[in-house]
Amino acid sequence: MSLETEIQKILNDFENTSSKQIFEILNQIKPQFQSPLISEYLQGKIQKIIDLPDEAQKKKQCKALTPYLDWYLQGL
């Protein structure tokens, strides 16, 4: 499955996607951002979410990261 297809699947079925799957996709697209600062910022956000104790909290925080998925689909 292509990265674009996986991203679209996550966006279409966000509620049934695990935070782990979202992190895997974000880590794949992170190096493709034009600015290293964006990649570093995203890594910091991902790490803070990973450190949360419960999946429900992680999913709630992951929702704020969906613009990165949208940007990737729009061609960064």
N, C-alpha and C. Protein backbone atom coordinates (compact mmCIF):
# COMPACT_ATOMS: atom_id res chain seq x y z
N MET A 1 0.84 -1.16 0.00
CA MET A 1 0.00 0.00 0.00
C MET A 1 0.90 1.24 0.00
N SER A 2 0.56 2.21 -0.84
CA SER A 2 1.38 3.42 -0.92
C SER A 2 1.18 4.29 0.32
N LEU A 3 2.12 5.16 0.55
CA LEU A 3 2.05 6.05 1.70
C LEU A 3 0.81 6.95 1.60
N GLU A 4 0.53 7.43 0.40
CA GLU A 4 -0.64 8.28 0.20
C GLU A 4 -1.92 7.53 0.56
N THR A 5 -2.01 6.27 0.17
CA THR A 5 -3.18 5.45 0.47
C THR A 5 -3.32 5.24 1.96
N GLU A 6 -2.20 4.97 2.63
CA GLU A 6 -2.23 4.76 4.08
C GLU A 6 -2.68 6.03 4.80
N ILE A 7 -2.19 7.18 4.35
CA ILE A 7 -2.57 8.45 4.97
C ILE A 7 -4.07 8.70 4.77
N GLN A 8 -4.54 8.47 3.56
CA GLN A 8 -5.95 8.68 3.28
C GLN A 8 -6.82 7.76 4.14
N LYS A 9 -6.36 6.53 4.32
CA LYS A 9 -7.08 5.58 5.16
C LYS A 9 -7.16 6.08 6.60
N ILE A 10 -6.06 6.60 7.12
CA ILE A 10 -6.04 7.14 8.48
C ILE A 10 -7.01 8.32 8.60
N LEU A 11 -6.95 9.23 7.64
CA LEU A 11 -7.82 10.40 7.70
C LEU A 11 -9.29 10.02 7.59
N ASN A 12 -9.58 9.01 6.79
CA ASN A 12 -10.98 8.59 6.60
C ASN A 12 -11.52 7.79 7.77
N ASP A 13 -10.64 7.11 8.51
CA ASP A 13 -11.07 6.25 9.61
C ASP A 13 -10.22 6.51 10.85
N PHE A 14 -10.08 7.77 11.20
CA PHE A 14 -9.19 8.17 12.28
C PHE A 14 -9.54 7.49 13.60
N GLU A 15 -10.81 7.39 13.90
CA GLU A 15 -11.24 6.85 15.19
C GLU A 15 -10.83 5.38 15.37
N ASN A 16 -10.69 4.64 14.29
CA ASN A 16 -10.34 3.23 14.37
C ASN A 16 -8.87 2.96 14.05
N THR A 17 -8.07 4.01 14.02
CA THR A 17 -6.64 3.89 13.75
C THR A 17 -5.89 4.05 15.07
N SER A 18 -4.96 3.17 15.34
CA SER A 18 -4.20 3.27 16.60
C SER A 18 -3.19 4.42 16.52
N SER A 19 -2.83 4.93 17.67
CA SER A 19 -1.83 5.99 17.72
C SER A 19 -0.50 5.48 17.16
N LYS A 20 -0.23 4.21 17.39
CA LYS A 20 1.02 3.62 16.88
C LYS A 20 1.07 3.70 15.35
N GLN A 21 -0.04 3.41 14.68
CA GLN A 21 -0.08 3.50 13.22
C GLN A 21 0.13 4.95 12.76
N ILE A 22 -0.48 5.88 13.48
CA ILE A 22 -0.33 7.29 13.13
C ILE A 22 1.13 7.72 13.27
N PHE A 23 1.78 7.31 14.37
CA PHE A 23 3.18 7.65 14.58
C PHE A 23 4.07 7.06 13.49
N GLU A 24 3.78 5.83 13.08
CA GLU A 24 4.58 5.19 12.02
C GLU A 24 4.52 6.00 10.73
N ILE A 25 3.34 6.46 10.37
CA ILE A 25 3.18 7.24 9.14
C ILE A 25 3.86 8.61 9.30
N LEU A 26 3.65 9.26 10.43
CA LEU A 26 4.29 10.56 10.65
C LEU A 26 5.81 10.44 10.60
N ASN A 27 6.36 9.37 11.15
CA ASN A 27 7.80 9.18 11.10
C ASN A 27 8.30 8.94 9.68
N GLN A 28 7.46 8.37 8.83
CA GLN A 28 7.84 8.17 7.44
C GLN A 28 7.85 9.48 6.66
N ILE A 29 6.92 10.38 6.96
CA ILE A 29 6.85 11.62 6.20
C ILE A 29 7.73 12.73 6.79
N LYS A 30 8.10 12.59 8.04
CA LYS A 30 8.88 13.62 8.75
C LYS A 30 10.14 14.07 7.98
N PRO A 31 10.93 13.16 7.43
CA PRO A 31 12.15 13.60 6.73
C PRO A 31 11.88 14.36 5.43
N GLN A 32 10.65 14.32 4.95
CA GLN A 32 10.34 14.95 3.67
C GLN A 32 9.95 16.42 3.80
N PHE A 33 9.80 16.92 5.02
CA PHE A 33 9.51 18.33 5.19
C PHE A 33 10.73 19.15 4.80
N GLN A 34 10.49 20.29 4.18
CA GLN A 34 11.58 21.10 3.65
C GLN A 34 12.44 21.72 4.75
N SER A 35 11.84 21.98 5.88
CA SER A 35 12.59 22.61 6.97
C SER A 35 12.90 21.59 8.06
N PRO A 36 14.17 21.50 8.45
CA PRO A 36 14.51 20.60 9.55
C PRO A 36 13.82 21.00 10.86
N LEU A 37 13.51 22.28 11.00
CA LEU A 37 12.82 22.74 12.20
C LEU A 37 11.43 22.12 12.32
N ILE A 38 10.74 21.99 11.20
CA ILE A 38 9.42 21.36 11.22
C ILE A 38 9.54 19.90 11.64
N SER A 39 10.52 19.22 11.08
CA SER A 39 10.74 17.81 11.44
C SER A 39 11.08 17.65 12.92
N GLU A 40 11.92 18.53 13.43
CA GLU A 40 12.29 18.48 14.85
C GLU A 40 11.08 18.78 15.74
N TYR A 41 10.29 19.76 15.36
CA TYR A 41 9.10 20.12 16.12
C TYR A 41 8.13 18.95 16.15
N LEU A 42 7.91 18.34 14.98
CA LEU A 42 7.01 17.19 14.90
C LEU A 42 7.52 16.04 15.76
N GLN A 43 8.83 15.79 15.75
CA GLN A 43 9.39 14.72 16.56
C GLN A 43 9.14 14.98 18.05
N GLY A 44 9.28 16.23 18.46
CA GLY A 44 9.02 16.58 19.85
C GLY A 44 7.57 16.36 20.23
N LYS A 45 6.65 16.72 19.33
CA LYS A 45 5.22 16.51 19.59
C LYS A 45 4.91 15.01 19.67
N ILE A 46 5.47 14.23 18.75
CA ILE A 46 5.25 12.79 18.76
C ILE A 46 5.74 12.19 20.08
N GLN A 47 6.94 12.59 20.51
CA GLN A 47 7.50 12.03 21.73
C GLN A 47 6.64 12.36 22.95
N LYS A 48 6.13 13.58 23.02
CA LYS A 48 5.26 13.95 24.14
C LYS A 48 4.00 13.10 24.16
N ILE A 49 3.47 12.81 22.98
CA ILE A 49 2.25 11.99 22.91
C ILE A 49 2.57 10.54 23.28
N ILE A 50 3.68 10.02 22.80
CA ILE A 50 4.09 8.64 23.12
C ILE A 50 4.22 8.47 24.63
N ASP A 51 4.69 9.49 25.31
CA ASP A 51 4.89 9.43 26.75
C ASP A 51 3.60 9.45 27.56
N LEU A 52 2.48 9.75 26.93
CA LEU A 52 1.20 9.75 27.65
C LEU A 52 0.85 8.32 28.06
N PRO A 53 0.17 8.17 29.20
CA PRO A 53 -0.06 6.84 29.74
C PRO A 53 -1.20 6.04 29.10
N ASP A 54 -2.08 6.70 28.39
CA ASP A 54 -3.27 5.98 27.96
C ASP A 54 -3.61 6.27 26.49
N GLU A 55 -4.09 5.25 25.81
CA GLU A 55 -4.37 5.33 24.37
C GLU A 55 -5.40 6.40 24.05
N ALA A 56 -6.40 6.58 24.88
CA ALA A 56 -7.43 7.59 24.62
C ALA A 56 -6.82 8.99 24.60
N GLN A 57 -5.91 9.26 25.54
CA GLN A 57 -5.23 10.55 25.56
C GLN A 57 -4.34 10.71 24.33
N LYS A 58 -3.66 9.64 23.95
CA LYS A 58 -2.80 9.68 22.77
C LYS A 58 -3.61 10.01 21.52
N LYS A 59 -4.74 9.35 21.37
CA LYS A 59 -5.58 9.59 20.19
C LYS A 59 -6.09 11.03 20.16
N LYS A 60 -6.46 11.54 21.31
CA LYS A 60 -6.95 12.92 21.38
C LYS A 60 -5.85 13.88 20.93
N GLN A 61 -4.63 13.66 21.38
CA GLN A 61 -3.51 14.51 20.99
C GLN A 61 -3.10 14.30 19.53
N CYS A 62 -3.24 13.07 19.04
CA CYS A 62 -2.90 12.78 17.64
C CYS A 62 -3.77 13.57 16.68
N LYS A 63 -4.99 13.84 17.10
CA LYS A 63 -5.92 14.58 16.24
C LYS A 63 -5.30 15.92 15.83
N ALA A 64 -4.51 16.52 16.72
CA ALA A 64 -3.87 17.80 16.42
C ALA A 64 -2.75 17.67 15.39
N LEU A 65 -2.32 16.44 15.11
CA LEU A 65 -1.23 16.22 14.15
C LEU A 65 -1.74 15.93 12.74
N THR A 66 -3.05 15.84 12.56
CA THR A 66 -3.58 15.51 11.22
C THR A 66 -3.22 16.54 10.15
N PRO A 67 -2.99 17.83 10.48
CA PRO A 67 -2.57 18.74 9.41
C PRO A 67 -1.28 18.30 8.71
N TYR A 68 -0.39 17.62 9.44
CA TYR A 68 0.84 17.12 8.80
C TYR A 68 0.51 16.08 7.73
N LEU A 69 -0.49 15.27 7.99
CA LEU A 69 -0.93 14.29 7.00
C LEU A 69 -1.54 14.99 5.80
N ASP A 70 -2.36 16.00 6.06
CA ASP A 70 -2.97 16.78 4.98
C ASP A 70 -1.90 17.46 4.13
N TRP A 71 -0.90 18.05 4.78
CA TRP A 71 0.17 18.72 4.04
C TRP A 71 0.90 17.74 3.13
N TYR A 72 1.14 16.55 3.62
CA TYR A 72 1.81 15.55 2.79
C TYR A 72 0.99 15.23 1.55
N LEU A 73 -0.30 15.04 1.74
CA LEU A 73 -1.16 14.73 0.60
C LEU A 73 -1.24 15.88 -0.40
N GLN A 74 -1.06 17.09 0.08
CA GLN A 74 -1.12 18.27 -0.80
C GLN A 74 0.23 18.57 -1.44
N GLY A 75 1.22 17.76 -1.16
CA GLY A 75 2.52 17.93 -1.78
C GLY A 75 3.51 18.72 -0.96
N LEU A 76 3.31 18.77 0.36
CA LEU A 76 4.19 19.48 1.28
C LEU A 76 4.35 20.90 0.80
